[in-house]
C-alpha atoms as a PDB file:
ATOM      1  CA  MET A   1     -31.347  -1.666 -17.891  1.00  0.00           C
ATOM      2  CA  GLU A   2     -31.862   1.892 -15.738  1.00  0.00           C
ATOM      3  CA  GLY A   3     -35.346   2.697 -15.995  1.00  0.00           C
ATOM      4  CA  TRP A   4     -36.871  -0.833 -17.230  1.00  0.00           C
ATOM      5  CA  SER A   5     -38.981  -2.787 -15.126  1.00  0.00           C
ATOM      6  CA  THR A   6     -37.412  -6.250 -16.355  1.00  0.00           C
ATOM      7  CA  GLY A   7     -34.499  -8.491 -15.285  1.00  0.00           C
ATOM      8  CA  ILE A   8     -33.438  -8.610 -11.534  1.00  0.00           C
ATOM      9  CA  SER A   9     -32.765  -5.410  -9.962  1.00  0.00           C
ATOM     10  CA  PRO A  10     -29.691  -5.025  -7.696  1.00  0.00           C
ATOM     11  CA  PRO A  11     -30.204  -5.186  -3.851  1.00  0.00           C
ATOM     12  CA  SER A  12     -30.065  -1.648  -1.928  1.00  0.00           C
ATOM     13  CA  GLY A  13     -27.326  -1.434   0.699  1.00  0.00           C
ATOM     14  CA  LYS A  14     -23.746  -3.215   0.356  1.00  0.00           C
ATOM     15  CA  GLY A  15     -25.225  -6.364   2.181  1.00  0.00           C
ATOM     16  CA  SER A  16     -21.914  -9.280   2.679  1.00  0.00           C
ATOM     17  CA  ARG A  17     -18.912  -8.757   0.714  1.00  0.00           C
ATOM     18  CA  LEU A  18     -16.113 -10.672  -0.104  1.00  0.00           C
ATOM     19  CA  ILE A  19     -12.571 -10.006   0.490  1.00  0.00           C
ATOM     20  CA  VAL A  20      -9.932 -11.442  -1.270  1.00  0.00           C
ATOM     21  CA  SER A  21      -5.877 -11.031  -1.524  1.00  0.00           C
ATOM     22  CA  HIS A  22      -3.344 -12.984  -4.144  1.00  0.00           C
ATOM     23  CA  ILE A  23      -0.092 -12.816  -5.161  1.00  0.00           C
ATOM     24  CA  GLY A  24       1.115 -12.982  -8.577  1.00  0.00           C
ATOM     25  CA  SER A  25       4.036 -12.010 -11.179  1.00  0.00           C
ATOM     26  CA  GLU A  26       4.574 -12.131 -14.819  1.00  0.00           C
ATOM     27  CA  LYS A  27       4.294 -16.283 -14.487  1.00  0.00           C
ATOM     28  CA  GLY A  28       0.611 -15.508 -13.200  1.00  0.00           C
ATOM     29  CA  PHE A  29      -1.162 -16.090 -10.006  1.00  0.00           C
ATOM     30  CA  ALA A  30       0.754 -18.199  -7.257  1.00  0.00           C
ATOM     31  CA  LYS A  31       0.112 -21.643  -6.236  1.00  0.00           C
ATOM     32  CA  HIS A  32      -1.792 -21.463  -2.670  1.00  0.00           C
ATOM     33  CA  GLY A  33      -1.543 -18.089  -2.724  1.00  0.00           C
ATOM     34  CA  LEU A  34      -5.317 -17.175  -3.087  1.00  0.00           C
ATOM     35  CA  LEU A  35      -7.408 -15.619   0.595  1.00  0.00           C
ATOM     36  CA  GLU A  36     -10.852 -15.656   0.565  1.00  0.00           C
ATOM     37  CA  PHE A  37     -13.853 -15.002   3.042  1.00  0.00           C
ATOM     38  CA  GLU A  38     -16.847 -13.554   3.122  1.00  0.00           C
ATOM     39  CA  SER A  39     -17.081 -10.205   5.417  1.00  0.00           C
ATOM     40  CA  LYS A  40     -19.814 -10.060   7.808  1.00  0.00           C
ATOM     41  CA  SER A  41     -19.707  -6.925   7.863  1.00  0.00           C
ATOM     42  CA  THR A  42     -21.433  -4.174   5.690  1.00  0.00           C
ATOM     43  CA  LYS A  43     -19.616  -1.170   7.186  1.00  0.00           C
ATOM     44  CA  ASP A  44     -15.519  -1.036   7.017  1.00  0.00           C
ATOM     45  CA  TYR A  45     -14.163  -4.336   5.820  1.00  0.00           C
ATOM     46  CA  HIS A  46     -10.642  -2.996   7.542  1.00  0.00           C
ATOM     47  CA  GLU A  47     -12.653  -4.166  10.346  1.00  0.00           C
ATOM     48  CA  GLU A  48     -12.161  -8.091   9.489  1.00  0.00           C
ATOM     49  CA  MET A  49      -8.817  -7.635   7.109  1.00  0.00           C
ATOM     50  CA  THR A  50      -7.078  -7.329  10.290  1.00  0.00           C
ATOM     51  CA  ALA A  51      -3.264  -7.511  10.858  1.00  0.00           C
ATOM     52  CA  ASP A  52      -3.696 -11.094  12.620  1.00  0.00           C
ATOM     53  CA  VAL A  53      -5.847 -12.587   9.812  1.00  0.00           C
ATOM     54  CA  PHE A  54      -3.227 -10.865   6.443  1.00  0.00           C
ATOM     55  CA  GLU A  55      -0.076 -11.949   8.861  1.00  0.00           C
ATOM     56  CA  GLU A  56      -1.725 -15.815   9.319  1.00  0.00           C
ATOM     57  CA  TYR A  57      -1.920 -15.880   5.527  1.00  0.00           C
ATOM     58  CA  PHE A  58       1.191 -14.509   4.880  1.00  0.00           C
ATOM     59  CA  GLU A  59       3.289 -16.789   7.028  1.00  0.00           C
ATOM     60  CA  GLN A  60       1.691 -19.360   4.806  1.00  0.00           C
ATOM     61  CA  MET A  61       1.708 -18.427   1.669  1.00  0.00           C
ATOM     62  CA  ILE A  62       5.560 -17.585   1.714  1.00  0.00           C
ATOM     63  CA  GLU A  63       5.664 -21.379   2.120  1.00  0.00           C
ATOM     64  CA  HIS A  64       5.159 -21.458  -1.265  1.00  0.00           C
ATOM     65  CA  ILE A  65       7.945 -18.899  -2.738  1.00  0.00           C
ATOM     66  CA  PRO A  66      10.866 -19.414  -4.078  1.00  0.00           C
ATOM     67  CA  PRO A  67      13.812 -17.965  -2.003  1.00  0.00           C
ATOM     68  CA  ASN A  68      15.719 -14.450  -3.118  1.00  0.00           C
ATOM     69  CA  SER A  69      11.909 -13.613  -4.212  1.00  0.00           C
ATOM     70  CA  ILE A  70      11.068  -9.740  -3.934  1.00  0.00           C
ATOM     71  CA  ILE A  71       7.345  -9.385  -2.586  1.00  0.00           C
ATOM     72  CA  VAL A  72       5.819  -5.939  -3.679  1.00  0.00           C
ATOM     73  CA  LEU A  73       2.806  -4.451  -1.177  1.00  0.00           C
ATOM     74  CA  ASP A  74       1.377  -1.132  -0.498  1.00  0.00           C
ATOM     75  CA  ASN A  75       1.002   0.435   2.818  1.00  0.00           C
ATOM     76  CA  ALA A  76      -2.628  -1.106   3.782  1.00  0.00           C
ATOM     77  CA  PRO A  77      -2.538  -0.573   7.938  1.00  0.00           C
ATOM     78  CA  TYR A  78      -2.671  -4.728   8.160  1.00  0.00           C
ATOM     79  CA  HIS A  79       0.494  -5.509   6.018  1.00  0.00           C
ATOM     80  CA  SER A  80       2.191  -2.807   8.119  1.00  0.00           C
ATOM     81  CA  ARG A  81       2.308  -3.560  12.249  1.00  0.00           C
ATOM     82  CA  LEU A  82       5.378  -3.077  13.779  1.00  0.00           C
ATOM     83  CA  VAL A  83       7.518  -5.460  15.398  1.00  0.00           C
ATOM     84  CA  GLU A  84       7.382  -3.115  18.355  1.00  0.00           C
ATOM     85  CA  ARG A  85       6.012   0.081  19.190  1.00  0.00           C
ATOM     86  CA  LEU A  86       8.502   3.553  18.848  1.00  0.00           C
ATOM     87  CA  PRO A  87       8.248   6.574  20.942  1.00  0.00           C
ATOM     88  CA  THR A  88       5.289   8.758  20.113  1.00  0.00           C
ATOM     89  CA  THR A  89       3.937  12.469  21.801  1.00  0.00           C
ATOM     90  CA  ALA A  90       2.000  10.269  23.178  1.00  0.00           C
ATOM     91  CA  TRP A  91       4.101   8.678  25.628  1.00  0.00           C
ATOM     92  CA  LYS A  92       4.739   9.224  28.856  1.00  0.00           C
ATOM     93  CA  LYS A  93       8.685  10.912  29.280  1.00  0.00           C
ATOM     94  CA  GLN A  94       9.683   7.688  31.627  1.00  0.00           C
ATOM     95  CA  ASP A  95       8.917   5.505  29.119  1.00  0.00           C
ATOM     96  CA  ILE A  96      10.868   7.641  25.999  1.00  0.00           C
ATOM     97  CA  ILE A  97      13.761   7.653  28.646  1.00  0.00           C
ATOM     98  CA  ASP A  98      13.016   3.411  29.333  1.00  0.00           C
ATOM     99  CA  TRP A  99      13.436   3.397  25.301  1.00  0.00           C
ATOM    100  CA  LEU A 100      16.177   5.468  25.216  1.00  0.00           C
ATOM    101  CA  ARG A 101      18.089   3.320  27.469  1.00  0.00           C
ATOM    102  CA  ASN A 102      16.980   0.001  26.251  1.00  0.00           C
ATOM    103  CA  LYS A 103      18.429   0.767  22.682  1.00  0.00           C
ATOM    104  CA  SER A 104      21.865   2.260  24.349  1.00  0.00           C
ATOM    105  CA  LEU A 105      21.148   5.461  22.902  1.00  0.00           C
ATOM    106  CA  PRO A 106      22.780   8.430  24.783  1.00  0.00           C
ATOM    107  CA  TYR A 107      20.558  11.311  26.640  1.00  0.00           C
ATOM    108  CA  GLU A 108      21.237  13.307  29.795  1.00  0.00           C
ATOM    109  CA  ASP A 109      19.837  13.818  32.347  1.00  0.00           C
ATOM    110  CA  GLY A 110      17.711  16.379  33.088  1.00  0.00           C
ATOM    111  CA  MET A 111      16.548  16.468  29.167  1.00  0.00           C
ATOM    112  CA  VAL A 112      12.448  17.904  29.139  1.00  0.00           C
ATOM    113  CA  LYS A 113      10.179  15.287  26.681  1.00  0.00           C
ATOM    114  CA  VAL A 114      10.769  16.802  23.742  1.00  0.00           C
ATOM    115  CA  GLU A 115      14.414  16.286  23.776  1.00  0.00           C
ATOM    116  CA  LEU A 116      13.888  13.111  24.439  1.00  0.00           C
ATOM    117  CA  LEU A 117      11.437  12.625  21.544  1.00  0.00           C
ATOM    118  CA  LYS A 118      13.733  14.419  19.295  1.00  0.00           C
ATOM    119  CA  ILE A 119      16.897  11.956  19.869  1.00  0.00           C
ATOM    120  CA  ALA A 120      14.305   9.059  19.621  1.00  0.00           C
ATOM    121  CA  ARG A 121      13.125  10.291  15.771  1.00  0.00           C
ATOM    122  CA  GLN A 122      16.867  10.537  15.247  1.00  0.00           C
ATOM    123  CA  HIS A 123      17.223   6.950  15.679  1.00  0.00           C
ATOM    124  CA  LYS A 124      14.047   5.479  15.547  1.00  0.00           C
ATOM    125  CA  SER A 125      14.232   4.621  11.742  1.00  0.00           C
ATOM    126  CA  ASN A 126      16.705   1.763  12.831  1.00  0.00           C
ATOM    127  CA  PHE A 127      14.126  -0.253  14.789  1.00  0.00           C
ATOM    128  CA  LYS A 128      11.182   0.269  12.508  1.00  0.00           C
ATOM    129  CA  LYS A 129      10.536  -3.082  11.251  1.00  0.00           C
ATOM    130  CA  TYR A 130       7.123  -4.533  10.450  1.00  0.00           C
ATOM    131  CA  VAL A 131       6.219  -8.079  11.202  1.00  0.00           C
ATOM    132  CA  VAL A 132       5.831  -9.500   8.052  1.00  0.00           C
ATOM    133  CA  ASP A 133       9.095  -8.364   6.729  1.00  0.00           C
ATOM    134  CA  LYS A 134      10.674 -10.593   9.624  1.00  0.00           C
ATOM    135  CA  MET A 135       8.334 -13.371   8.478  1.00  0.00           C
ATOM    136  CA  ALA A 136      10.298 -12.773   4.743  1.00  0.00           C
ATOM    137  CA  GLU A 137      13.439 -12.425   5.937  1.00  0.00           C
ATOM    138  CA  ARG A 138      13.463 -15.941   7.510  1.00  0.00           C
ATOM    139  CA  ARG A 139      12.467 -17.309   4.152  1.00  0.00           C
ATOM    140  CA  ASN A 140      15.274 -15.002   2.731  1.00  0.00           C
ATOM    141  CA  ILE A 141      12.763 -13.095   0.698  1.00  0.00           C
ATOM    142  CA  THR A 142      12.699  -9.092   0.444  1.00  0.00           C
ATOM    143  CA  VAL A 143       9.432  -7.155   0.808  1.00  0.00           C
ATOM    144  CA  LEU A 144       9.470  -3.818  -1.297  1.00  0.00           C
ATOM    145  CA  ARG A 145       7.355  -1.444   0.139  1.00  0.00           C
ATOM    146  CA  LEU A 146       5.437   1.245  -2.427  1.00  0.00           C
ATOM    147  CA  PRO A 147       5.308   4.931  -1.784  1.00  0.00           C
ATOM    148  CA  PRO A 148       1.947   5.863  -0.050  1.00  0.00           C
ATOM    149  CA  TYR A 149      -0.817   6.397  -2.564  1.00  0.00           C
ATOM    150  CA  HIS A 150       0.784   5.476  -5.970  1.00  0.00           C
ATOM    151  CA  CYS A 151      -1.220   2.291  -6.335  1.00  0.00           C
ATOM    152  CA  GLU A 152      -0.452   2.439 -10.248  1.00  0.00           C
ATOM    153  CA  LEU A 153       3.024   0.844  -9.097  1.00  0.00           C
ATOM    154  CA  ASN A 154       1.145  -2.383  -8.544  1.00  0.00           C
ATOM    155  CA  PRO A 155       0.525  -4.270 -10.707  1.00  0.00           C
ATOM    156  CA  ILE A 156      -2.295  -6.284  -9.091  1.00  0.00           C
ATOM    157  CA  GLU A 157      -4.268  -3.353  -8.948  1.00  0.00           C
ATOM    158  CA  LEU A 158      -4.970  -3.937 -12.928  1.00  0.00           C
ATOM    159  CA  ILE A 159      -5.548  -7.458 -11.998  1.00  0.00           C
ATOM    160  CA  TRP A 160      -8.216  -6.679  -9.713  1.00  0.00           C
ATOM    161  CA  ALA A 161      -9.805  -4.432 -12.178  1.00  0.00           C
ATOM    162  CA  GLN A 162      -9.819  -7.119 -14.844  1.00  0.00           C
ATOM    163  CA  MET A 163     -11.648  -9.734 -12.183  1.00  0.00           C
ATOM    164  CA  LYS A 164     -14.232  -7.017 -10.886  1.00  0.00           C
ATOM    165  CA  SER A 165     -15.131  -6.331 -14.382  1.00  0.00           C
ATOM    166  CA  TYR A 166     -15.489 -10.311 -15.225  1.00  0.00           C
ATOM    167  CA  VAL A 167     -17.671 -10.498 -11.722  1.00  0.00           C
ATOM    168  CA  ALA A 168     -19.619  -7.511 -12.473  1.00  0.00           C
ATOM    169  CA  ARG A 169     -20.584  -8.338 -16.232  1.00  0.00           C
ATOM    170  CA  LYS A 170     -21.432 -12.217 -15.024  1.00  0.00           C
ATOM    171  CA  ASN A 171     -23.366 -11.685 -12.005  1.00  0.00           C
ATOM    172  CA  THR A 172     -27.152 -11.538 -12.183  1.00  0.00           C
ATOM    173  CA  SER A 173     -28.470 -12.864  -8.628  1.00  0.00           C
ATOM    174  CA  TYR A 174     -26.759 -10.802  -6.922  1.00  0.00           C
ATOM    175  CA  LYS A 175     -26.053 -13.697  -4.243  1.00  0.00           C
ATOM    176  CA  ILE A 176     -22.967 -14.118  -2.534  1.00  0.00           C
ATOM    177  CA  GLN A 177     -22.065 -18.028  -3.337  1.00  0.00           C
ATOM    178  CA  ALA A 178     -22.638 -17.150  -6.961  1.00  0.00           C
ATOM    179  CA  VAL A 179     -19.981 -13.903  -6.479  1.00  0.00           C
ATOM    180  CA  ARG A 180     -17.696 -16.648  -4.833  1.00  0.00           C
ATOM    181  CA  GLU A 181     -18.142 -18.688  -7.973  1.00  0.00           C
ATOM    182  CA  LEU A 182     -17.841 -15.727 -10.507  1.00  0.00           C
ATOM    183  CA  LEU A 183     -14.944 -14.894  -8.552  1.00  0.00           C
ATOM    184  CA  TYR A 184     -13.103 -18.325  -9.161  1.00  0.00           C
ATOM    185  CA  GLU A 185     -14.330 -18.071 -12.709  1.00  0.00           C
ATOM    186  CA  SER A 186     -12.583 -14.986 -13.582  1.00  0.00           C
ATOM    187  CA  LEU A 187      -9.171 -15.772 -11.709  1.00  0.00           C
ATOM    188  CA  GLN A 188      -9.025 -18.684 -14.605  1.00  0.00           C
ATOM    189  CA  HIS A 189      -9.363 -16.207 -17.121  1.00  0.00           C
ATOM    190  CA  ILE A 190      -6.732 -14.112 -16.204  1.00  0.00           C
ATOM    191  CA  THR A 191      -3.436 -15.168 -17.478  1.00  0.00           C
ATOM    192  CA  GLU A 192       0.454 -15.133 -17.531  1.00  0.00           C
ATOM    193  CA  GLN A 193      -0.028 -12.532 -20.810  1.00  0.00           C
ATOM    194  CA  ASN A 194      -2.346 -10.321 -18.460  1.00  0.00           C
ATOM    195  CA  TRP A 195      -0.348 -10.228 -15.687  1.00  0.00           C
ATOM    196  CA  ARG A 196       3.136  -9.566 -18.063  1.00  0.00           C
ATOM    197  CA  ASP A 197       0.903  -6.427 -19.383  1.00  0.00           C
ATOM    198  CA  ALA A 198      -0.004  -5.396 -16.111  1.00  0.00           C
ATOM    199  CA  VAL A 199       4.057  -5.802 -14.848  1.00  0.00           C
ATOM    200  CA  ARG A 200       5.376  -3.544 -18.028  1.00  0.00           C
ATOM    201  CA  HIS A 201       2.693  -1.195 -17.257  1.00  0.00           C
ATOM    202  CA  ALA A 202       3.521  -0.317 -13.777  1.00  0.00           C
ATOM    203  CA  ILE A 203       7.470  -0.666 -15.012  1.00  0.00           C
ATOM    204  CA  GLU A 204       6.124   2.067 -17.564  1.00  0.00           C
ATOM    205  CA  GLU A 205       4.601   4.379 -14.861  1.00  0.00           C
ATOM    206  CA  GLU A 206       7.846   3.975 -12.548  1.00  0.00           C
ATOM    207  CA  GLN A 207      10.017   5.152 -15.444  1.00  0.00           C
ATOM    208  CA  LYS A 208       7.776   8.340 -16.440  1.00  0.00           C
ATOM    209  CA  MET A 209       8.053   9.246 -12.677  1.00  0.00           C
ATOM    210  CA  TRP A 210      12.258   9.048 -13.145  1.00  0.00           C
ATOM    211  CA  ASP A 211      12.040  11.237 -16.413  1.00  0.00           C
ATOM    212  CA  LEU A 212       9.912  13.948 -14.495  1.00  0.00           C
ATOM    213  CA  ASP A 213      11.877  13.662 -11.624  1.00  0.00           C
ATOM    214  CA  ASN A 214      14.598  14.161 -13.838  1.00  0.00           C
ATOM    215  CA  ILE A 215      13.213  17.067 -16.120  1.00  0.00           C
ATOM    216  CA  ILE A 216      12.309  18.677 -12.538  1.00  0.00           C
ATOM    217  CA  ASP A 217      16.110  18.668 -11.337  1.00  0.00           C
ATOM    218  CA  ALA A 218      17.899  19.612 -14.617  1.00  0.00           C
ATOM    219  CA  THR A 219      14.984  22.811 -14.429  1.00  0.00           C
ATOM    220  CA  VAL A 220      15.498  24.061 -11.235  1.00  0.00           C
ATOM    221  CA  GLU A 221      19.125  23.689 -11.809  1.00  0.00           C
ATOM    222  CA  THR A 222      19.170  25.434 -14.776  1.00  0.00           C
ATOM    223  CA  GLN A 223      16.997  28.434 -13.250  1.00  0.00           C
ATOM    224  CA  PRO A 224      15.582  29.698 -10.709  1.00  0.00           C
ATOM    225  CA  LEU A 225      11.590  29.156 -10.112  1.00  0.00           C
ATOM    226  CA  ILE A 226       9.756  32.738  -9.932  1.00  0.00           C
ATOM    227  CA  ILE A 227       6.640  33.616  -8.272  1.00  0.00           C
ATOM    228  CA  ASN A 228       4.729  36.598  -8.560  1.00  0.00           C
ATOM    229  CA  LEU A 229       2.436  37.616  -5.605  1.00  0.00           C
ATOM    230  CA  GLN A 230       1.472  40.729  -7.148  1.00  0.00           C
ATOM    231  CA  ASP A 231      -2.542  39.878  -9.101  1.00  0.00           C
ATOM    232  CA  ASP A 232      -1.139  42.936 -11.713  1.00  0.00           C
ATOM    233  CA  LEU A 233       1.130  41.340 -14.368  1.00  0.00           C
ATOM    234  CA  ASP A 234       2.367  44.483 -15.270  1.00  0.00           C
ATOM    235  CA  SER A 235       3.382  45.349 -11.583  1.00  0.00           C
ATOM    236  CA  GLU A 236       7.442  46.627 -11.396  1.00  0.00           C
ATOM    237  CA  ASP A 237       7.516  45.111  -7.876  1.00  0.00           C
ATOM    238  CA  ASP A 238      10.409  42.718  -7.469  1.00  0.00           C
ATOM    239  CA  PRO A 239       9.194  38.956  -7.925  1.00  0.00           C
ATOM    240  CA  VAL A 240       9.491  36.359  -5.144  1.00  0.00           C
ATOM    241  CA  TYR A 241      12.602  33.548  -5.855  1.00  0.00           C
ATOM    242  CA  PHE A 242      12.013  30.086  -4.217  1.00  0.00           C
ATOM    243  CA  GLU A 243      15.058  27.777  -3.994  1.00  0.00           C
ATOM    244  CA  PHE A 244      14.622  24.345  -3.965  1.00  0.00           C
ATOM    245  CA  GLU A 245      17.103  21.458  -2.767  1.00  0.00           C
END
């Protein structure tokens, strides 16, 4: 309809938006798993989808998830609030010393800040705990975090694409209440089969990555990678070899 004068024109600007979170599996959307509220901000929705909001939702939602389940999460900041702060270069030297002492980690008097930080880095992975992970542990549920920037491994991304497509096709008034109604309609149209297809696709993508890793390992082990730094391909200069471990 672009360029036509008939019909309703989309509003200019972003306006208000709906923030939605949900959880599902091959059995479809989980009951009691929907979080939906209107964003008042026209800028970054992360201003309102905060760790406080997500953690409150997560704590209520996992009450309805069976024990021994595995919940797949990406690394959004609001998923990843730490139970306790860990030493960084911004910390004062005395604060690092206090942290090491509190964790019963050995250090020597007279060490400079960079030496103390090195000790902290060697051990802080043992103390890196997320708030939502601790919540899940209390329900005997495991949180599995995806590698950063690998949304293709999360089945719900395909589900969101289907939901957004439905809303976009049906949206004619561009009013927030109408969009909310379309959201609920779209969720009813997403079936268990849609979820099974999304999960299968994510598993296939993961297998491709495993296969590629194996190919790279086999290739590097059988022959070195040679990169010639000379522009002239006929140059007789020796190539430069890089060894990868």
